[in-house]
Amino acid sequence: MDIQEPDLETPKYQILKRTAAYEVRKYSPFVIVETQSDKLAGNTGFNDVAGVSFCYFGRL
């Protein structure tokens, strides 16, 4: 069984410099929330992530 990465939105960015070997990018601010748990099914994982998100966004 292969674990697939979720289809996440790519953060917005501006390319400041591009060469054949690399790009220098400037990203708009964004937030990533992650949890480590073996109980991500159901409400447990959602509650962990939502709790962190609500606390963070409540400070903005």
Protein backbone atom coordinates (compact mmCIF):
# COMPACT_ATOMS: atom_id res chain seq x y z
CA MET A 1 0.00 0.00 0.00
CA ASP A 2 1.46 3.34 -1.06
CA ILE A 3 0.91 6.42 1.07
CA GLN A 4 -0.01 9.35 -1.13
CA GLU A 5 0.70 12.97 -0.37
CA PRO A 6 -2.47 15.05 -0.03
CA ASP A 7 -3.30 17.43 -2.84
CA LEU A 8 -2.26 20.68 -1.14
CA GLU A 9 -2.49 24.19 -2.48
CA THR A 10 0.90 25.60 -3.49
CA PRO A 11 1.73 28.80 -1.60
CA LYS A 12 1.91 31.93 -3.76
CA TYR A 13 5.40 33.11 -4.61
CA GLN A 14 7.33 35.51 -6.83
CA ILE A 15 10.47 34.40 -8.67
CA LEU A 16 13.23 36.88 -7.86
CA LYS A 17 15.99 35.15 -9.84
CA ARG A 18 16.10 32.16 -12.16
CA THR A 19 19.12 30.31 -13.51
CA ALA A 20 19.48 26.93 -15.20
CA ALA A 21 20.35 25.41 -11.80
CA TYR A 22 18.01 27.14 -9.32
CA GLU A 23 15.28 29.70 -8.55
CA VAL A 24 15.18 32.26 -5.76
CA ARG A 25 11.58 32.67 -4.62
CA LYS A 26 9.81 35.11 -2.30
CA TYR A 27 6.78 33.48 -0.68
CA SER A 28 3.69 35.23 0.64
CA PRO A 29 3.07 34.44 4.31
CA PHE A 30 1.34 31.12 4.94
CA VAL A 31 0.73 28.72 7.82
CA ILE A 32 1.34 24.98 7.99
CA VAL A 33 -0.24 22.94 10.76
CA GLU A 34 0.88 19.37 11.40
CA THR A 35 0.14 16.77 14.04
CA GLN A 36 1.72 13.46 14.90
CA SER A 37 -0.74 10.85 16.01
CA ASP A 38 -1.72 7.31 15.28
CA LYS A 39 -5.35 8.30 15.84
CA LEU A 40 -5.93 10.62 12.89
CA ALA A 41 -9.15 8.90 11.88
CA GLY A 42 -12.34 10.54 13.03
CA ASN A 43 -12.41 13.66 15.19
CA THR A 44 -9.13 13.17 17.09
CA GLY A 45 -6.80 14.37 14.32
CA PHE A 46 -9.16 17.15 13.30
CA ASN A 47 -9.45 18.39 16.87
CA ASP A 48 -5.64 18.46 17.28
CA VAL A 49 -5.12 20.48 14.11
CA ALA A 50 -8.18 22.69 14.61
CA GLY A 51 -7.14 23.56 18.17
CA VAL A 52 -3.73 24.77 17.01
CA SER A 53 -5.25 26.63 14.05
CA PHE A 54 -7.90 28.38 16.13
CA CYS A 55 -5.33 29.48 18.72
CA TYR A 56 -2.98 30.80 16.03
CA PHE A 57 -5.58 32.62 13.97
CA GLY A 58 -7.20 34.02 17.10
CA ARG A 59 -3.97 35.94 17.77
CA LEU A 60 -3.96 37.66 14.36
